[in-house]
Structure formats: C-alpha cells, structure tokens
Amino acid sequence: MNESHIPELLLDNIKKSIVYVDREHVIRYMNAAGREHYARFGDILNQSLWDCHDEASKEAILGYVARLEAGEDEICYLDEPERRVYIRSVRDDKGELAGYYEIIEPVRGADR
C-alpha cells in the first residue's frame, strides 16, 4: 500500500459527508460520503461553490466565512432532527483562514 494514500483512506472511511472549499470558494476535496451525498449535482470537484447555490445561500455562506475569519472555528448552521450541518475553519500555520469544510452529521438513530 502506498502510504501517501492514508489520509484519503482515513477521510473516505468517515461516514459523515466532508467537503473542503478553498478561500476562493472552489470545491477542492470531497470524501466518499460527500461525493455520494452531492452526486445529484454531477462532478462538482474543482467547481465554484456558487455554481450550486442561490443568492440567499451565497449570502449566508459569506456570513459564515466572515465569522470564521473573525476567529470562530465551527458554526452549526442546520440542526434538524435527522441531521446537523457544520462549517469548520481550516487555518494555515499563521492562523489565517485557508479554507473551510462542511460536515453533514446524521443524528444518531435517524433514518438514513
């Protein structure tokens, strides 16, 4: 096994959808659960996040990113009985926001 694939294998074995977006709001990584969750949109890797969001969603996301830039590390923006959706910061070695990722977490016991 090529050890350089270990990080990808680890992320692909997480059953929560994980989607990483860079500072230019381009989708740069999706784990297996993320690819499955967003399959209905086709291949969105390396596409602008704005290609699959309307203006209201774009405004909300930009507001979350502003909060991350101001120092927050995690924002739960959807808390429903069947799932929670978070956005988390990814910071460089100077603490600056390098990007962010979304996690969709099914609530324990919710039907899938």
C-alpha atoms as a PDB file:
ATOM      1  CA  MET A   1       0.000   0.000   0.000  1.00  0.00           C
ATOM      2  CA  ASN A   2       1.239   3.469  -0.871  1.00  0.00           C
ATOM      3  CA  GLU A   3       1.355   5.386   2.412  1.00  0.00           C
ATOM      4  CA  SER A   4       0.641   8.691   0.669  1.00  0.00           C
ATOM      5  CA  HIS A   5      -2.957   7.460   0.258  1.00  0.00           C
ATOM      6  CA  ILE A   6      -3.511   7.011   4.012  1.00  0.00           C
ATOM      7  CA  PRO A   7      -5.054  10.478   4.618  1.00  0.00           C
ATOM      8  CA  GLU A   8      -7.531   9.949   1.775  1.00  0.00           C
ATOM      9  CA  LEU A   9      -8.367   6.441   3.021  1.00  0.00           C
ATOM     10  CA  LEU A  10      -8.979   7.793   6.509  1.00  0.00           C
ATOM     11  CA  LEU A  11     -11.291  10.518   5.252  1.00  0.00           C
ATOM     12  CA  ASP A  12     -13.129   8.142   2.920  1.00  0.00           C
ATOM     13  CA  ASN A  13     -13.830   5.839   5.869  1.00  0.00           C
ATOM     14  CA  ILE A  14     -15.586   8.622   7.781  1.00  0.00           C
ATOM     15  CA  LYS A  15     -19.295   8.143   7.150  1.00  0.00           C
ATOM     16  CA  LYS A  16     -20.070  11.855   7.526  1.00  0.00           C
ATOM     17  CA  SER A  17     -20.051  13.935   4.336  1.00  0.00           C
ATOM     18  CA  ILE A  18     -16.957  16.181   4.265  1.00  0.00           C
ATOM     19  CA  VAL A  19     -16.491  18.840   1.580  1.00  0.00           C
ATOM     20  CA  TYR A  20     -13.464  21.191   1.627  1.00  0.00           C
ATOM     21  CA  VAL A  21     -13.650  24.595  -0.064  1.00  0.00           C
ATOM     22  CA  ASP A  22     -10.680  26.941  -0.554  1.00  0.00           C
ATOM     23  CA  ARG A  23     -10.635  30.709   0.078  1.00  0.00           C
ATOM     24  CA  GLU A  24     -11.822  31.363  -3.467  1.00  0.00           C
ATOM     25  CA  HIS A  25     -14.907  29.209  -2.690  1.00  0.00           C
ATOM     26  CA  VAL A  26     -13.836  26.411  -5.040  1.00  0.00           C
ATOM     27  CA  ILE A  27     -14.656  22.836  -4.005  1.00  0.00           C
ATOM     28  CA  ARG A  28     -11.252  21.144  -3.688  1.00  0.00           C
ATOM     29  CA  TYR A  29     -11.982  17.893  -1.862  1.00  0.00           C
ATOM     30  CA  MET A  30     -14.902  15.592  -1.108  1.00  0.00           C
ATOM     31  CA  ASN A  31     -14.654  12.359   0.856  1.00  0.00           C
ATOM     32  CA  ALA A  32     -16.600   9.294  -0.324  1.00  0.00           C
ATOM     33  CA  ALA A  33     -19.666  10.238   1.742  1.00  0.00           C
ATOM     34  CA  GLY A  34     -19.534  13.776   0.346  1.00  0.00           C
ATOM     35  CA  ARG A  35     -19.318  12.531  -3.231  1.00  0.00           C
ATOM     36  CA  GLU A  36     -22.293  10.257  -2.592  1.00  0.00           C
ATOM     37  CA  HIS A  37     -24.333  12.998  -0.905  1.00  0.00           C
ATOM     38  CA  TYR A  38     -23.761  15.515  -3.717  1.00  0.00           C
ATOM     39  CA  ALA A  39     -23.813  13.030  -6.645  1.00  0.00           C
ATOM     40  CA  ARG A  40     -27.071  14.541  -7.929  1.00  0.00           C
ATOM     41  CA  PHE A  41     -25.089  17.660  -8.945  1.00  0.00           C
ATOM     42  CA  GLY A  42     -22.632  15.673 -11.059  1.00  0.00           C
ATOM     43  CA  ASP A  43     -18.876  16.219 -10.791  1.00  0.00           C
ATOM     44  CA  ILE A  44     -18.578  19.423  -8.763  1.00  0.00           C
ATOM     45  CA  LEU A  45     -14.969  18.942  -7.680  1.00  0.00           C
ATOM     46  CA  ASN A  46     -12.909  21.997  -8.666  1.00  0.00           C
ATOM     47  CA  GLN A  47     -16.102  23.950  -9.368  1.00  0.00           C
ATOM     48  CA  SER A  48     -17.155  27.191  -7.728  1.00  0.00           C
ATOM     49  CA  LEU A  49     -19.397  26.756  -4.720  1.00  0.00           C
ATOM     50  CA  TRP A  50     -21.563  29.478  -6.232  1.00  0.00           C
ATOM     51  CA  ASP A  51     -22.455  27.224  -9.190  1.00  0.00           C
ATOM     52  CA  CYS A  52     -24.699  25.155  -6.908  1.00  0.00           C
ATOM     53  CA  HIS A  53     -26.057  27.804  -4.525  1.00  0.00           C
ATOM     54  CA  ASP A  54     -28.611  30.567  -4.976  1.00  0.00           C
ATOM     55  CA  GLU A  55     -28.061  34.178  -3.855  1.00  0.00           C
ATOM     56  CA  ALA A  56     -29.644  33.663  -0.417  1.00  0.00           C
ATOM     57  CA  SER A  57     -27.369  30.676   0.270  1.00  0.00           C
ATOM     58  CA  LYS A  58     -24.346  32.594  -1.022  1.00  0.00           C
ATOM     59  CA  GLU A  59     -25.073  35.475   1.376  1.00  0.00           C
ATOM     60  CA  ALA A  60     -25.443  33.054   4.291  1.00  0.00           C
ATOM     61  CA  ILE A  61     -22.193  31.244   3.428  1.00  0.00           C
ATOM     62  CA  LEU A  62     -20.294  34.518   3.097  1.00  0.00           C
ATOM     63  CA  GLY A  63     -21.618  35.481   6.541  1.00  0.00           C
ATOM     64  CA  TYR A  64     -20.351  32.193   7.998  1.00  0.00           C
ATOM     65  CA  VAL A  65     -16.965  32.706   6.337  1.00  0.00           C
ATOM     66  CA  ALA A  66     -16.762  36.214   7.833  1.00  0.00           C
ATOM     67  CA  ARG A  67     -17.334  34.671  11.258  1.00  0.00           C
ATOM     68  CA  LEU A  68     -14.595  32.103  10.590  1.00  0.00           C
ATOM     69  CA  GLU A  69     -12.257  34.905   9.502  1.00  0.00           C
ATOM     70  CA  ALA A  70     -13.056  36.689  12.777  1.00  0.00           C
ATOM     71  CA  GLY A  71     -11.849  33.677  14.747  1.00  0.00           C
ATOM     72  CA  GLU A  72     -14.710  31.199  15.105  1.00  0.00           C
ATOM     73  CA  ASP A  73     -13.693  27.645  14.289  1.00  0.00           C
ATOM     74  CA  GLU A  74     -17.070  25.919  13.949  1.00  0.00           C
ATOM     75  CA  ILE A  75     -20.576  27.049  13.085  1.00  0.00           C
ATOM     76  CA  CYS A  76     -23.590  24.745  13.206  1.00  0.00           C
ATOM     77  CA  TYR A  77     -25.912  26.235  10.611  1.00  0.00           C
ATOM     78  CA  LEU A  78     -28.501  23.482  10.376  1.00  0.00           C
ATOM     79  CA  ASP A  79     -29.752  21.483  13.341  1.00  0.00           C
ATOM     80  CA  GLU A  80     -32.643  19.238  12.374  1.00  0.00           C
ATOM     81  CA  PRO A  81     -33.915  16.032  13.978  1.00  0.00           C
ATOM     82  CA  GLU A  82     -32.292  13.915  11.234  1.00  0.00           C
ATOM     83  CA  ARG A  83     -29.025  15.817  10.691  1.00  0.00           C
ATOM     84  CA  ARG A  84     -26.710  18.595  11.747  1.00  0.00           C
ATOM     85  CA  VAL A  85     -24.600  20.560   9.288  1.00  0.00           C
ATOM     86  CA  TYR A  86     -21.429  22.348  10.347  1.00  0.00           C
ATOM     87  CA  ILE A  87     -18.879  24.556   8.675  1.00  0.00           C
ATOM     88  CA  ARG A  88     -15.355  24.432  10.151  1.00  0.00           C
ATOM     89  CA  SER A  89     -12.279  26.553   9.540  1.00  0.00           C
ATOM     90  CA  VAL A  90      -9.013  25.296   8.072  1.00  0.00           C
ATOM     91  CA  ARG A  91      -6.157  27.557   9.115  1.00  0.00           C
ATOM     92  CA  ASP A  92      -2.585  27.887   7.896  1.00  0.00           C
ATOM     93  CA  ASP A  93       0.464  27.880  10.189  1.00  0.00           C
ATOM     94  CA  LYS A  94      -0.079  31.605  10.914  1.00  0.00           C
ATOM     95  CA  GLY A  95      -3.668  31.059  11.976  1.00  0.00           C
ATOM     96  CA  GLU A  96      -5.111  32.649   8.840  1.00  0.00           C
ATOM     97  CA  LEU A  97      -8.185  31.133   7.234  1.00  0.00           C
ATOM     98  CA  ALA A  98      -7.021  28.920   4.340  1.00  0.00           C
ATOM     99  CA  GLY A  99     -10.452  27.471   3.589  1.00  0.00           C
ATOM    100  CA  TYR A 100     -13.332  25.717   5.242  1.00  0.00           C
ATOM    101  CA  TYR A 101     -15.174  22.442   5.166  1.00  0.00           C
ATOM    102  CA  GLU A 102     -18.723  21.330   5.639  1.00  0.00           C
ATOM    103  CA  ILE A 103     -19.650  18.254   7.652  1.00  0.00           C
ATOM    104  CA  ILE A 104     -23.088  16.668   7.402  1.00  0.00           C
ATOM    105  CA  GLU A 105     -23.638  14.620  10.512  1.00  0.00           C
ATOM    106  CA  PRO A 106     -26.649  12.309  10.689  1.00  0.00           C
ATOM    107  CA  VAL A 107     -28.125  12.383  14.177  1.00  0.00           C
ATOM    108  CA  ARG A 108     -27.742   9.049  15.930  1.00  0.00           C
ATOM    109  CA  GLY A 109     -30.817   6.939  15.414  1.00  0.00           C
ATOM    110  CA  ALA A 110     -32.128   8.984  12.460  1.00  0.00           C
ATOM    111  CA  ASP A 111     -33.169   7.009   9.408  1.00  0.00           C
ATOM    112  CA  ARG A 112     -30.727   7.228   6.523  1.00  0.00           C
END
